[in-house]
Amino acid sequence: MIRILSILVGLFFSVVLGYSFVVGAVSTASEGLPKTVEAQFHKHPEPLHLSSDGVFGRFDNQQLQRGFKVYQEVCQACHSLRHVAFRDLKAIGYNDDEVKAIAKTYQVPEYNKDTGEVKTRPGLATDKFPPVLYAGQGVPPDLSLITKARHGGAAYVHSLLLGYQEPPANLPKENRPGAGLHYNPYFANLNIAMPAPLTGDGQVTYTDGTKATKDQISEDVSAFLVWTAEPKQDKRRQTGWAVLGFLLFATVLAYMAKRQIWADKH
């Protein structure tokens, strides 16, 4: 009798505890947790549709070359591409002579093991893009893998480049940008040290006749940075579809063989 009573009491308290937990969870979910100022004003990246999106997507080499031009003329002064070699540019439509000509415009550091000195020389097609020596405060991130390293990928880069604006009137004083900072709601803490890199339409002159609007410039360099982060994407997808086709064929063949072998078995 005592054992039964103890079980009933324990069951009662378990039910009460479970009920309290459920009610508390529902109450918290309905009321919502208090948001930080950053969370209230932070914006998610706007959608960006590129030709490389989706399982059937492919890179647009003409756009990638425009994006590379934007990188050279706008981003290169502060941001490096240390995981990309000059010869990799052949994958986006440049020929050998063009790649060699591009490489020669860069000064690549070279270590002399005999003297211990580091000197620079014109780049070769086999070299990687040299590191950028930034004289300002902080170290700007390398852009080779930026679309993989940031949530939102290319859409984040695109929105960030176009997102510079004046702080809203209701933004608390302590969250307003201080000296050397700029308000951008697409940046995690709203204030970013990088000044707006895109100043307006026509900042870059495209050789293919594309109108260089501010939005187009941002889209092109975002597409280029998708390629630098995963230059083998097109080949990987082609291989993937070939493997899937082979597996489908092998599955059908195995099923037909099974039917043939076991046709007369009971």
Protein backbone atom coordinates (compact mmCIF):
# COMPACT_ATOMS: atom_id res chain seq x y z
CA MET A 1 0.00 0.00 0.00
CA ILE A 2 2.80 2.39 0.93
CA ARG A 3 4.63 1.53 -2.28
CA ILE A 4 1.55 2.30 -4.39
CA LEU A 5 1.05 5.60 -2.55
CA SER A 6 4.67 6.56 -3.13
CA ILE A 7 4.33 5.81 -6.83
CA LEU A 8 1.18 7.92 -7.06
CA VAL A 9 2.81 10.84 -5.25
CA GLY A 10 5.87 10.65 -7.52
CA LEU A 11 3.64 10.48 -10.58
CA PHE A 12 1.69 13.51 -9.37
CA PHE A 13 4.83 15.61 -8.93
CA SER A 14 6.15 14.46 -12.32
CA VAL A 15 2.92 15.57 -13.99
CA VAL A 16 3.00 18.94 -12.19
CA LEU A 17 6.65 19.46 -13.14
CA GLY A 18 6.00 18.56 -16.79
CA TYR A 19 2.96 20.84 -16.91
CA SER A 20 4.95 23.74 -15.46
CA PHE A 21 7.72 23.19 -18.00
CA VAL A 22 5.32 23.16 -20.95
CA VAL A 23 3.43 26.24 -19.74
CA GLY A 24 6.70 28.13 -19.18
CA ALA A 25 8.03 27.20 -22.62
CA VAL A 26 4.82 28.25 -24.36
CA SER A 27 4.74 31.51 -22.42
CA THR A 28 8.35 32.32 -23.32
CA ALA A 29 7.79 31.50 -26.98
CA SER A 30 4.67 33.64 -27.19
CA GLU A 31 6.16 36.65 -25.46
CA GLY A 32 9.54 36.36 -27.19
CA LEU A 33 12.95 36.88 -25.69
CA PRO A 34 14.20 40.44 -25.30
CA LYS A 35 16.09 41.50 -28.43
CA THR A 36 19.38 43.35 -28.49
CA VAL A 37 19.60 46.64 -30.36
CA GLU A 38 21.74 44.93 -33.01
CA ALA A 39 19.08 42.25 -33.53
CA GLN A 40 16.33 44.85 -33.87
CA PHE A 41 18.09 46.87 -36.57
CA HIS A 42 20.06 44.13 -38.30
CA LYS A 43 18.77 43.12 -41.74
CA HIS A 44 19.08 39.79 -43.51
CA PRO A 45 20.65 39.82 -46.99
CA GLU A 46 18.36 40.57 -49.90
CA PRO A 47 17.93 37.67 -52.36
CA LEU A 48 20.51 37.51 -55.14
CA HIS A 49 20.07 35.24 -58.16
CA LEU A 50 23.21 34.23 -60.05
CA SER A 51 23.70 31.93 -63.03
CA SER A 52 25.73 29.60 -60.78
CA ASP A 53 22.81 29.00 -58.39
CA GLY A 54 21.08 25.63 -58.14
CA VAL A 55 22.13 22.13 -59.12
CA PHE A 56 21.96 23.02 -62.83
CA GLY A 57 23.72 26.38 -62.44
CA ARG A 58 26.86 27.30 -64.34
CA PHE A 59 29.28 30.19 -64.03
CA ASP A 60 28.93 33.07 -66.48
CA ASN A 61 32.53 33.73 -67.52
CA GLN A 62 31.71 37.15 -68.89
CA GLN A 63 30.27 38.18 -65.52
CA LEU A 64 33.21 36.65 -63.67
CA GLN A 65 35.65 38.68 -65.76
CA ARG A 66 33.68 41.82 -64.95
CA GLY A 67 33.77 40.85 -61.27
CA PHE A 68 37.54 40.36 -61.45
CA LYS A 69 37.87 43.84 -62.93
CA VAL A 70 35.82 45.22 -60.01
CA TYR A 71 38.09 43.39 -57.58
CA GLN A 72 41.19 44.87 -59.22
CA GLU A 73 39.90 48.43 -59.35
CA VAL A 74 37.84 48.62 -56.15
CA CYS A 75 38.69 45.86 -53.66
CA GLN A 76 42.32 45.02 -54.32
CA ALA A 77 43.76 47.99 -52.43
CA CYS A 78 42.67 46.44 -49.12
CA HIS A 79 41.67 42.81 -49.68
CA SER A 80 43.83 39.93 -50.88
CA LEU A 81 43.02 36.70 -52.76
CA ARG A 82 45.74 34.51 -51.29
CA HIS A 83 44.07 31.18 -52.19
CA VAL A 84 43.78 32.00 -55.90
CA ALA A 85 46.61 31.49 -58.41
CA PHE A 86 46.92 33.56 -61.57
CA ARG A 87 46.66 30.43 -63.71
CA ASP A 88 43.24 29.76 -62.16
CA LEU A 89 41.95 32.70 -64.21
CA LYS A 90 42.05 30.47 -67.31
CA ALA A 91 38.90 28.83 -65.93
CA ILE A 92 36.95 32.07 -66.37
CA GLY A 93 37.94 32.60 -70.00
CA TYR A 94 41.41 34.17 -70.03
CA ASN A 95 43.99 32.61 -72.35
CA ASP A 96 47.61 31.85 -71.45
CA ASP A 97 48.99 35.15 -72.76
CA GLU A 98 46.35 37.15 -70.90
CA VAL A 99 47.06 35.28 -67.67
CA LYS A 100 50.81 35.94 -68.01
CA ALA A 101 50.14 39.62 -68.69
CA ILE A 102 47.90 39.89 -65.61
CA ALA A 103 50.49 38.12 -63.42
CA LYS A 104 53.26 40.51 -64.53
CA THR A 105 51.33 43.49 -63.20
CA TYR A 106 51.77 42.16 -59.66
CA GLN A 107 54.89 42.16 -57.50
CA VAL A 108 55.26 38.80 -55.77
CA PRO A 109 57.51 38.41 -52.70
CA GLU A 110 60.30 35.84 -53.08
CA TYR A 111 62.53 34.52 -50.30
CA ASN A 112 66.23 34.11 -51.02
CA LYS A 113 67.39 31.15 -48.92
CA ASP A 114 71.07 32.10 -49.39
CA THR A 115 70.85 35.68 -48.12
CA GLY A 116 67.66 35.47 -46.04
CA GLU A 117 66.28 38.50 -47.86
CA VAL A 118 62.80 38.87 -49.25
CA LYS A 119 62.63 40.61 -52.59
CA THR A 120 59.82 41.13 -55.05
CA ARG A 121 59.60 40.15 -58.69
CA PRO A 122 56.93 40.26 -61.39
CA GLY A 123 54.36 37.52 -60.91
CA LEU A 124 54.25 34.29 -62.88
CA ALA A 125 51.18 32.36 -63.94
CA THR A 126 51.99 29.73 -61.30
CA ASP A 127 52.08 32.27 -58.45
CA LYS A 128 49.17 33.05 -56.20
CA PHE A 129 47.88 36.58 -55.75
CA PRO A 130 50.33 38.32 -53.38
CA PRO A 131 49.16 39.46 -49.93
CA VAL A 132 47.98 43.04 -49.60
CA LEU A 133 49.87 45.26 -47.18
CA TYR A 134 47.18 47.38 -45.52
CA ALA A 135 48.33 50.54 -43.76
CA GLY A 136 45.12 51.29 -41.87
CA GLN A 137 43.80 49.92 -38.58
CA GLY A 138 42.74 46.30 -38.39
CA VAL A 139 43.29 43.63 -41.02
CA PRO A 140 40.72 43.48 -43.85
CA PRO A 141 39.65 39.88 -44.49
CA ASP A 142 41.00 37.89 -47.39
CA LEU A 143 38.24 37.52 -49.98
CA SER A 144 39.17 34.12 -51.42
CA LEU A 145 36.64 32.23 -49.32
CA ILE A 146 34.45 35.08 -48.10
CA THR A 147 31.23 33.75 -49.65
CA LYS A 148 31.79 30.47 -47.80
CA ALA A 149 32.78 32.15 -44.56
CA ARG A 150 29.76 34.45 -44.27
CA HIS A 151 26.17 33.36 -43.76
CA GLY A 152 24.25 34.31 -46.88
CA GLY A 153 27.27 33.97 -49.17
CA ALA A 154 27.02 36.10 -52.30
CA ALA A 155 23.74 37.65 -51.16
CA TYR A 156 25.47 38.90 -48.00
CA VAL A 157 28.34 40.45 -49.98
CA HIS A 158 25.90 42.07 -52.43
CA SER A 159 23.68 43.51 -49.69
CA LEU A 160 26.62 44.69 -47.61
CA LEU A 161 28.16 46.61 -50.52
CA LEU A 162 24.87 48.38 -51.21
CA GLY A 163 23.74 48.71 -47.59
CA TYR A 164 25.62 51.80 -46.40
CA GLN A 165 23.22 54.46 -45.13
CA GLU A 166 22.63 57.06 -42.46
CA PRO A 167 21.70 55.60 -39.03
CA PRO A 168 17.95 55.63 -38.38
CA ALA A 169 16.66 58.34 -36.06
CA ASN A 170 15.54 55.83 -33.41
CA LEU A 171 18.91 54.09 -33.16
CA PRO A 172 20.22 54.53 -29.58
CA LYS A 173 23.13 56.89 -29.20
CA GLU A 174 25.46 54.21 -27.84
CA ASN A 175 24.91 52.12 -30.99
CA ARG A 176 25.63 54.89 -33.45
CA PRO A 177 28.89 54.63 -35.41
CA GLY A 178 31.87 56.25 -33.75
CA ALA A 179 35.01 57.64 -35.32
CA GLY A 180 36.13 55.58 -38.30
CA LEU A 181 32.96 53.49 -38.39
CA HIS A 182 30.06 53.45 -40.86
CA TYR A 183 26.45 52.33 -40.38
CA ASN A 184 25.41 49.27 -42.36
CA PRO A 185 22.38 47.24 -41.19
CA TYR A 186 23.61 44.13 -43.04
CA PHE A 187 26.73 43.99 -40.86
CA ALA A 188 26.37 41.97 -37.65
CA ASN A 189 26.88 44.79 -35.15
CA LEU A 190 25.60 47.52 -37.51
CA ASN A 191 28.87 49.52 -37.56
CA ILE A 192 31.66 48.54 -39.95
CA ALA A 193 35.16 49.98 -40.30
CA MET A 194 35.24 49.61 -44.10
CA PRO A 195 34.04 52.78 -45.86
CA ALA A 196 31.51 52.31 -48.64
CA PRO A 197 33.63 50.90 -51.52
CA LEU A 198 31.03 51.59 -54.20
CA THR A 199 30.54 55.29 -54.79
CA GLY A 200 28.04 55.21 -57.65
CA ASP A 201 27.31 54.25 -61.23
CA GLY A 202 30.20 54.23 -63.68
CA GLN A 203 32.86 53.59 -61.04
CA VAL A 204 34.19 50.79 -63.25
CA THR A 205 34.28 50.79 -67.05
CA TYR A 206 33.32 47.43 -68.53
CA THR A 207 34.93 46.47 -71.84
CA ASP A 208 31.98 44.27 -72.89
CA GLY A 209 29.57 47.20 -73.00
CA THR A 210 27.62 46.26 -69.86
CA LYS A 211 26.25 49.31 -68.07
CA ALA A 212 28.20 49.63 -64.83
CA THR A 213 25.44 50.59 -62.43
CA LYS A 214 26.18 50.37 -58.73
CA ASP A 215 23.91 47.33 -58.43
CA GLN A 216 25.57 45.63 -61.42
CA ILE A 217 29.05 46.23 -60.03
CA SER A 218 28.06 44.72 -56.69
CA GLU A 219 26.43 41.70 -58.36
CA ASP A 220 29.45 41.05 -60.60
CA VAL A 221 32.03 41.11 -57.82
CA SER A 222 29.75 38.91 -55.67
CA ALA A 223 29.57 36.37 -58.50
CA PHE A 224 33.36 36.49 -58.87
CA LEU A 225 33.82 35.79 -55.15
CA VAL A 226 31.50 32.78 -55.43
CA TRP A 227 33.93 31.46 -58.04
CA THR A 228 37.06 32.16 -55.95
CA ALA A 229 35.50 30.22 -53.06
CA GLU A 230 34.65 27.19 -55.22
CA PRO A 231 36.30 27.37 -58.65
CA LYS A 232 35.67 23.66 -59.35
CA GLN A 233 31.91 23.97 -58.85
CA ASP A 234 30.91 23.44 -62.50
CA LYS A 235 33.20 20.43 -62.90
CA ARG A 236 32.02 18.96 -59.61
CA ARG A 237 28.39 19.21 -60.69
CA GLN A 238 29.14 17.65 -64.08
CA THR A 239 30.88 14.77 -62.34
CA GLY A 240 28.02 14.43 -59.90
CA TRP A 241 25.40 14.12 -62.64
CA ALA A 242 27.57 11.55 -64.46
CA VAL A 243 27.88 9.51 -61.26
CA LEU A 244 24.14 9.69 -60.62
CA GLY A 245 23.46 8.55 -64.20
CA PHE A 246 25.83 5.62 -63.80
CA LEU A 247 24.26 4.62 -60.47
CA LEU A 248 20.78 4.76 -62.02
CA PHE A 249 21.90 2.60 -64.95
CA ALA A 250 23.64 0.15 -62.60
CA THR A 251 20.50 -0.08 -60.45
CA VAL A 252 18.29 -0.87 -63.45
CA LEU A 253 20.84 -3.40 -64.73
CA ALA A 254 21.05 -5.09 -61.32
CA TYR A 255 17.26 -5.27 -61.08
CA MET A 256 16.96 -6.81 -64.56
CA ALA A 257 19.72 -9.32 -63.74
CA LYS A 258 17.93 -10.26 -60.53
CA ARG A 259 14.68 -10.82 -62.42
CA GLN A 260 16.49 -12.93 -65.01
CA ILE A 261 18.42 -15.05 -62.51
CA TRP A 262 15.49 -15.70 -60.18
CA ALA A 263 12.77 -15.91 -62.83
CA ASP A 264 12.35 -19.69 -62.53
CA LYS A 265 12.99 -19.91 -58.79
CA HIS A 266 10.04 -20.52 -56.48
